[in-house]
Structures are given as C-alpha cells and as structure tokens.
Amino acid sequence: MQNLSLMLVPVLAAQKAAGDGLIKPLGHHELLLVLVQLSLLLLVARGLGELMRRINLPPVVGELLAGVVLGPSLFGLLLPDLQAHIFPQSQEQSNLLSVISWLGVLFLLIVTGLETDLKLILRKGKTALLISLGGIIVPFITGFGLGWLLPDSFLADPEKRLVFSLFIATAMSISAVPVIAKVLMDLNLIRRDIGQVTLAAGMTDDTIGWILLSVVSGLASSGKFDLGTIFHSVSAAILFLAIAFTIGRTIVDQILRWVDDYVGGVAASMSVVLILALSSRNQIRKGNPQVCPNQGS
C-alpha cells in the first residue's frame, strides 16, 4: 500500500501542476440553460410556424421570425432581465447553442441532398445557370451601389469604401440554400421541376458567392487581390464537384451496397449517409476554409 502511494505522488503532482490545462466538465447550470433555450426556441418556432401556415405562408417564415422575437429586438426590449438570464452574453453558452444549430442546418442539407434529382438538374442546367447569374448580378450591383452611397459614419475606415462596397455586394449575392430548401419542402415543391431548378440555382449562387467572399476578404486583409487564395478557392470547389459527380458517386453506391448486403437495416444505411455527409462537409472546410466560415451556408 505504501508503494502504491509513492507511485501516485508524481501523478498527483503532475495533475496539480497541469490543473489549468484540464478540460472542465459541462456545468449543470450551462446544461440547464441549453435545454431551456432549446425548449423555448422550439415552442416559439413551431407556434409561429403554424400561425404562418394558417395564413398560407411557408412555416419557415415563422420559424425565422422566432429568432427576432426571442432576441433583443422584442423579448430583450420587453423583458431585458429575463432575456439576459435565459440567453446570457456568454461565449461558452453561445457556442453550445451554435453546435446544436449547426447540426440542424447540416441535417437539413442532408435531407435536401436526398431530395435532389441530379439528372433533372443536369437537363435543366442551362436554365439554372441563367437564373443563378441573375440572382448574383442584380444583388451585386445594387449592393455595391448601397455600399458606395452610405454615409461615412457607417464605415470603420472611410478610405476603404471600395472594399466595404465589394463586401456588401458579395454579401447580398449569397443565398441561403437551407432556407430555400425548407421553403420548397413546406410548399411541397421540392420534387417538382421548379423546385429542383431553384435548388440548383441556389447552389450555384452559393458556390460563386463564397468564392467572391474569399477574394474580398483577401483584399480587405492585405489590400490587394490574392491570386493564390482565388486559385485555391476555385480549384478546391471544382475538384470537389468533379470527384463528387464522377468516382464519388460510384464509391458511395458501392459503400451503400456493401452495408445493405452485409449489415442491413435502415439504421445502418442512415448512419453511413450521415458519416459520408459530415465527412464531405469537413473536407470542404479543410480545402476551402474562407468560403465556408462559421455563419450558415
């Protein structure tokens, strides 16, 4: 017993010395806040969603409105102390809720992918491309004009108005594919031609928009166009799409066949789909981090 105690002394001393580096477990209060936040968000989102449905609007309109209602614009204005207690200005607490929201967005994108008809999109590719160009060019021009005409008080550095205008133009050009997909699902249009063309145009908008954002961010940070970043962004997107539409489809098909033959069951197939989808998302971020920031694609 004495020998065991002597052996544990260095271990305990090392743990004490490295106490600041230990990962602290999630506290009960933080966990309770996350559960309360989720419950309140689901309640308000579903309630407003059903209200929108009754007035013949897509429920996603009410679900998006829930964020405004529970934020400082309404809840914080009427009951600031209660709103600050439930949604505290804490980075750790915000990160916990962000992880859950990111998972929700990723699952929605996975469902969107399962509902996408690639053959139809390829047949309607020209139409989708023309729609996408219209959805980029018009917002880009109007966004640039807005950034150029805004007063100097809105700018952090009035001497960099060109960069600011380009950023506003790019931000206005980027669409929200998850929101588009949810609207199409709510309206039962996602499996129709118009729904598939809309999805294809939105995906093209996002791809081009995030590449433009990487160019503008490089211009803002270095003051010049970073050709290396532009080449990296474009080549990463093209390479990923090329692999996904060629050997990627064959590999995924073989994996799903093997799982179905040797494992079987809906749970196994769904697990494989989730693993592949999350892995693909991770590879996109590694290959092109500037065009997939922590916002919401």
Protein backbone atom coordinates (compact mmCIF):
# COMPACT_ATOMS: atom_id res chain seq x y z
CA MET A 1 0.00 0.00 0.00
CA GLN A 2 2.85 2.33 0.84
CA ASN A 3 4.48 1.56 -2.52
CA LEU A 4 1.23 2.40 -4.29
CA SER A 5 1.08 5.74 -2.50
CA LEU A 6 4.63 6.53 -3.52
CA MET A 7 3.80 5.68 -7.13
CA LEU A 8 0.79 8.01 -7.10
CA VAL A 9 2.71 11.02 -5.75
CA PRO A 10 4.30 12.02 -9.11
CA VAL A 11 1.00 11.52 -10.89
CA LEU A 12 -0.92 13.72 -8.47
CA ALA A 13 1.83 16.35 -8.57
CA ALA A 14 1.72 16.42 -12.38
CA GLN A 15 -2.07 16.74 -12.35
CA LYS A 16 -1.86 19.60 -9.87
CA ALA A 17 0.80 21.37 -11.97
CA ALA A 18 -1.29 20.98 -15.12
CA GLY A 19 -4.57 21.85 -13.44
CA ASP A 20 -5.14 24.84 -15.67
CA GLY A 21 -4.88 22.63 -18.74
CA LEU A 22 -7.56 20.17 -17.69
CA ILE A 23 -10.83 20.22 -19.60
CA LYS A 24 -13.61 21.21 -17.24
CA PRO A 25 -16.85 19.25 -17.49
CA LEU A 26 -20.05 20.95 -18.56
CA GLY A 27 -21.73 22.52 -15.55
CA HIS A 28 -25.30 21.80 -14.51
CA HIS A 29 -26.33 25.43 -14.96
CA GLU A 30 -24.96 25.60 -18.50
CA LEU A 31 -26.72 22.36 -19.43
CA LEU A 32 -29.98 23.61 -17.91
CA LEU A 33 -29.73 26.84 -19.89
CA VAL A 34 -29.20 24.96 -23.16
CA LEU A 35 -32.26 22.81 -22.51
CA VAL A 36 -34.36 25.86 -21.61
CA GLN A 37 -33.14 27.71 -24.70
CA LEU A 38 -33.95 24.77 -26.97
CA SER A 39 -37.39 24.31 -25.43
CA LEU A 40 -38.22 27.98 -25.82
CA LEU A 41 -36.88 28.15 -29.37
CA LEU A 42 -38.84 25.06 -30.44
CA LEU A 43 -42.03 26.31 -28.78
CA VAL A 44 -41.91 29.76 -30.37
CA ALA A 45 -40.68 28.49 -33.75
CA ARG A 46 -43.35 25.83 -34.04
CA GLY A 47 -46.05 28.21 -32.81
CA LEU A 48 -45.17 30.94 -35.26
CA GLY A 49 -44.69 28.34 -37.99
CA GLU A 50 -48.22 27.05 -37.53
CA LEU A 51 -49.51 30.62 -37.48
CA MET A 52 -47.83 31.31 -40.83
CA ARG A 53 -49.28 28.08 -42.23
CA ARG A 54 -52.79 29.21 -41.31
CA ILE A 55 -52.36 32.43 -43.30
CA ASN A 56 -51.00 30.48 -46.30
CA LEU A 57 -47.33 31.34 -45.81
CA PRO A 58 -44.45 28.85 -45.54
CA PRO A 59 -43.90 27.86 -41.87
CA VAL A 60 -40.20 28.68 -42.24
CA VAL A 61 -41.18 32.37 -42.21
CA GLY A 62 -42.47 32.00 -38.67
CA GLU A 63 -39.52 29.82 -37.67
CA LEU A 64 -37.10 32.52 -38.79
CA LEU A 65 -39.22 35.16 -37.07
CA ALA A 66 -38.78 33.24 -33.79
CA GLY A 67 -35.16 34.38 -33.65
CA VAL A 68 -36.25 38.00 -33.87
CA VAL A 69 -38.99 37.54 -31.26
CA LEU A 70 -36.66 35.88 -28.73
CA GLY A 71 -33.75 38.24 -29.42
CA PRO A 72 -33.05 41.72 -28.07
CA SER A 73 -35.42 43.28 -30.61
CA LEU A 74 -38.61 42.12 -28.82
CA PHE A 75 -38.01 39.79 -25.86
CA GLY A 76 -34.99 41.81 -24.75
CA LEU A 77 -36.93 45.06 -25.18
CA LEU A 78 -39.95 43.94 -23.15
CA LEU A 79 -38.21 41.79 -20.51
CA PRO A 80 -34.49 42.61 -20.67
CA ASP A 81 -33.53 40.93 -17.36
CA LEU A 82 -35.31 37.66 -18.17
CA GLN A 83 -33.94 37.62 -21.72
CA ALA A 84 -30.40 38.22 -20.43
CA HIS A 85 -30.84 35.38 -17.92
CA ILE A 86 -32.09 32.84 -20.48
CA PHE A 87 -29.77 33.98 -23.29
CA PRO A 88 -26.70 35.30 -21.45
CA GLN A 89 -23.93 37.13 -23.29
CA SER A 90 -21.51 34.28 -22.71
CA GLN A 91 -19.27 32.89 -25.45
CA GLU A 92 -19.27 29.37 -23.99
CA GLN A 93 -23.06 29.31 -23.70
CA SER A 94 -23.43 30.69 -27.21
CA ASN A 95 -21.07 28.02 -28.56
CA LEU A 96 -23.19 25.25 -27.04
CA LEU A 97 -26.29 26.51 -28.82
CA SER A 98 -24.31 27.11 -32.03
CA VAL A 99 -23.23 23.46 -32.16
CA ILE A 100 -26.85 22.31 -31.99
CA SER A 101 -27.93 24.85 -34.62
CA TRP A 102 -25.11 23.75 -36.94
CA LEU A 103 -26.20 20.14 -36.62
CA GLY A 104 -29.73 21.18 -37.53
CA VAL A 105 -28.51 23.03 -40.62
CA LEU A 106 -26.34 20.07 -41.67
CA PHE A 107 -29.22 17.61 -41.27
CA LEU A 108 -31.45 19.91 -43.33
CA LEU A 109 -28.81 19.99 -46.07
CA ILE A 110 -28.57 16.19 -45.97
CA VAL A 111 -32.34 15.91 -46.44
CA THR A 112 -32.09 18.43 -49.27
CA GLY A 113 -29.42 16.30 -50.94
CA LEU A 114 -31.61 13.21 -50.66
CA GLU A 115 -34.45 15.12 -52.34
CA THR A 116 -32.24 16.41 -55.19
CA ASP A 117 -32.67 14.89 -58.65
CA LEU A 118 -29.25 15.23 -60.30
CA LYS A 119 -30.47 14.02 -63.69
CA LEU A 120 -33.15 16.69 -63.80
CA ILE A 121 -30.68 19.36 -62.70
CA LEU A 122 -28.26 18.35 -65.45
CA ARG A 123 -31.07 18.52 -68.01
CA LYS A 124 -32.10 21.97 -66.76
CA GLY A 125 -28.52 23.11 -66.16
CA LYS A 126 -28.59 25.99 -68.65
CA THR A 127 -31.81 27.38 -67.19
CA ALA A 128 -30.47 27.08 -63.64
CA LEU A 129 -27.23 28.82 -64.64
CA LEU A 130 -29.08 31.77 -66.21
CA ILE A 131 -31.28 32.12 -63.11
CA SER A 132 -28.20 31.93 -60.91
CA LEU A 133 -26.42 34.65 -62.86
CA GLY A 134 -29.45 36.90 -62.49
CA GLY A 135 -29.53 36.13 -58.78
CA ILE A 136 -25.89 37.19 -58.46
CA ILE A 137 -25.51 40.12 -60.85
CA VAL A 138 -28.57 42.14 -59.74
CA PRO A 139 -27.91 41.91 -55.95
CA PHE A 140 -24.19 42.52 -56.54
CA ILE A 141 -24.81 45.75 -58.46
CA THR A 142 -27.41 47.05 -56.01
CA GLY A 143 -25.30 46.02 -53.00
CA PHE A 144 -22.26 47.78 -54.41
CA GLY A 145 -24.32 50.90 -55.01
CA LEU A 146 -25.63 50.79 -51.44
CA GLY A 147 -22.12 50.47 -50.02
CA TRP A 148 -20.89 53.33 -52.19
CA LEU A 149 -23.70 55.71 -51.17
CA LEU A 150 -23.81 55.01 -47.42
CA PRO A 151 -22.59 57.85 -45.17
CA ASP A 152 -19.05 57.71 -43.80
CA SER A 153 -20.42 57.09 -40.28
CA PHE A 154 -21.34 53.53 -41.33
CA LEU A 155 -17.75 52.72 -42.31
CA ALA A 156 -14.95 51.75 -39.96
CA ASP A 157 -12.46 53.29 -42.41
CA PRO A 158 -13.93 55.72 -44.98
CA GLU A 159 -10.75 55.43 -47.05
CA LYS A 160 -11.59 51.76 -47.77
CA ARG A 161 -15.04 52.41 -49.20
CA LEU A 162 -14.29 50.25 -52.26
CA VAL A 163 -13.58 47.18 -50.11
CA PHE A 164 -16.65 47.91 -47.98
CA SER A 165 -18.84 48.24 -51.10
CA LEU A 166 -17.48 44.97 -52.52
CA PHE A 167 -18.20 43.21 -49.22
CA ILE A 168 -21.81 44.48 -49.14
CA ALA A 169 -22.25 43.49 -52.80
CA THR A 170 -20.90 39.99 -52.16
CA ALA A 171 -22.99 39.52 -49.01
CA MET A 172 -26.13 40.49 -50.93
CA SER A 173 -25.26 37.97 -53.67
CA ILE A 174 -25.07 34.92 -51.40
CA SER A 175 -28.26 32.93 -50.99
CA ALA A 176 -29.32 30.66 -48.13
CA VAL A 177 -29.73 27.15 -49.52
CA PRO A 178 -31.12 25.69 -46.25
CA VAL A 179 -33.85 28.33 -46.16
CA ILE A 180 -34.63 27.83 -49.86
CA ALA A 181 -34.87 24.07 -49.34
CA LYS A 182 -37.13 24.48 -46.29
CA VAL A 183 -39.47 26.81 -48.19
CA LEU A 184 -39.70 24.33 -51.08
CA MET A 185 -40.40 21.48 -48.63
CA ASP A 186 -43.11 23.48 -46.88
CA LEU A 187 -44.76 24.22 -50.23
CA ASN A 188 -44.36 20.61 -51.48
CA LEU A 189 -42.40 21.88 -54.48
CA ILE A 190 -39.01 20.35 -53.86
CA ARG A 191 -39.66 17.29 -56.07
CA ARG A 192 -41.07 19.33 -58.95
CA ASP A 193 -39.09 20.85 -61.81
CA ILE A 194 -39.38 24.38 -60.45
CA GLY A 195 -38.10 23.23 -57.07
CA GLN A 196 -35.10 21.38 -58.49
CA VAL A 197 -34.15 24.30 -60.75
CA THR A 198 -34.44 26.68 -57.79
CA LEU A 199 -32.19 24.45 -55.70
CA ALA A 200 -29.63 24.19 -58.48
CA ALA A 201 -29.61 27.99 -58.93
CA GLY A 202 -29.21 28.48 -55.18
CA MET A 203 -26.29 26.04 -55.00
CA THR A 204 -24.58 27.81 -57.90
CA ASP A 205 -25.20 31.19 -56.23
CA ASP A 206 -23.60 29.94 -53.03
CA THR A 207 -20.56 28.47 -54.76
CA ILE A 208 -19.84 31.64 -56.73
CA GLY A 209 -20.75 33.89 -53.81
CA TRP A 210 -18.39 32.25 -51.32
CA ILE A 211 -15.56 32.36 -53.85
CA LEU A 212 -16.22 36.09 -54.28
CA LEU A 213 -16.19 36.47 -50.50
CA SER A 214 -12.78 34.81 -50.28
CA VAL A 215 -11.49 37.31 -52.85
CA VAL A 216 -12.97 40.30 -50.97
CA SER A 217 -11.68 39.06 -47.60
CA GLY A 218 -8.20 38.70 -49.07
CA LEU A 219 -8.45 42.22 -50.46
CA ALA A 220 -9.57 43.57 -47.08
CA SER A 221 -6.76 41.86 -45.12
CA SER A 222 -3.84 42.50 -47.47
CA GLY A 223 -5.05 45.46 -49.52
CA LYS A 224 -4.53 43.60 -52.80
CA PHE A 225 -6.03 40.74 -54.74
CA ASP A 226 -4.54 37.48 -53.52
CA LEU A 227 -4.31 35.37 -56.66
CA GLY A 228 -3.19 32.36 -54.61
CA THR A 229 -6.34 32.47 -52.48
CA ILE A 230 -8.53 32.89 -55.57
CA PHE A 231 -6.88 29.95 -57.31
CA HIS A 232 -7.12 27.82 -54.16
CA SER A 233 -10.82 28.60 -53.68
CA VAL A 234 -11.81 27.97 -57.29
CA SER A 235 -9.69 24.84 -57.72
CA ALA A 236 -10.92 23.33 -54.43
CA ALA A 237 -14.56 23.84 -55.43
CA ILE A 238 -14.03 22.44 -58.94
CA LEU A 239 -12.04 19.46 -57.65
CA PHE A 240 -14.65 18.57 -55.05
CA LEU A 241 -17.52 18.80 -57.56
CA ALA A 242 -15.58 16.80 -60.15
CA ILE A 243 -14.86 13.99 -57.69
CA ALA A 244 -18.41 14.06 -56.30
CA PHE A 245 -20.04 13.74 -59.74
CA THR A 246 -17.66 11.06 -61.08
CA ILE A 247 -15.90 8.47 -58.94
CA GLY A 248 -17.58 9.80 -55.80
CA ARG A 249 -20.99 8.57 -56.91
CA THR A 250 -19.59 5.12 -57.69
CA ILE A 251 -17.76 4.85 -54.38
CA VAL A 252 -20.81 5.92 -52.36
CA ASP A 253 -23.01 3.47 -54.29
CA GLN A 254 -20.60 0.60 -53.57
CA ILE A 255 -20.41 1.51 -49.88
CA LEU A 256 -24.19 1.59 -49.54
CA ARG A 257 -24.50 -1.73 -51.40
CA TRP A 258 -21.96 -3.36 -49.09
CA VAL A 259 -23.70 -2.04 -45.96
CA ASP A 260 -27.08 -3.20 -47.27
CA ASP A 261 -25.76 -6.70 -48.15
CA TYR A 262 -23.60 -7.41 -45.09
CA VAL A 263 -25.12 -5.28 -42.34
CA GLY A 264 -28.66 -4.45 -43.43
CA GLY A 265 -31.29 -2.27 -41.84
CA VAL A 266 -32.37 1.33 -42.22
CA ALA A 267 -30.30 2.42 -39.21
CA ALA A 268 -27.05 1.18 -40.76
CA SER A 269 -27.76 2.85 -44.11
CA MET A 270 -28.71 6.13 -42.43
CA SER A 271 -25.54 6.03 -40.31
CA VAL A 272 -23.42 5.64 -43.42
CA VAL A 273 -25.21 8.53 -45.13
CA LEU A 274 -24.61 10.78 -42.10
CA ILE A 275 -20.94 9.79 -41.88
CA LEU A 276 -20.35 10.48 -45.57
CA ALA A 277 -22.24 13.78 -45.48
CA LEU A 278 -20.45 15.08 -42.38
CA SER A 279 -17.10 13.94 -43.77
CA SER A 280 -17.78 15.77 -47.04
CA ARG A 281 -18.62 18.94 -45.15
CA ASN A 282 -15.37 18.61 -43.18
CA GLN A 283 -13.33 18.16 -46.36
CA ILE A 284 -14.92 21.27 -47.92
CA ARG A 285 -13.91 23.34 -44.88
CA LYS A 286 -10.34 21.98 -44.96
CA GLY A 287 -9.95 22.59 -48.67
CA ASN A 288 -11.63 25.98 -48.75
CA PRO A 289 -11.95 27.45 -45.24
CA GLN A 290 -12.60 31.02 -46.33
CA VAL A 291 -15.69 30.11 -48.32
CA CYS A 292 -17.25 28.07 -45.52
CA PRO A 293 -16.97 30.24 -42.43
CA ASN A 294 -18.99 29.80 -39.27
CA GLN A 295 -22.02 31.67 -40.40
CA GLY A 296 -24.56 29.49 -42.37
CA SER A 297 -24.32 28.22 -45.52
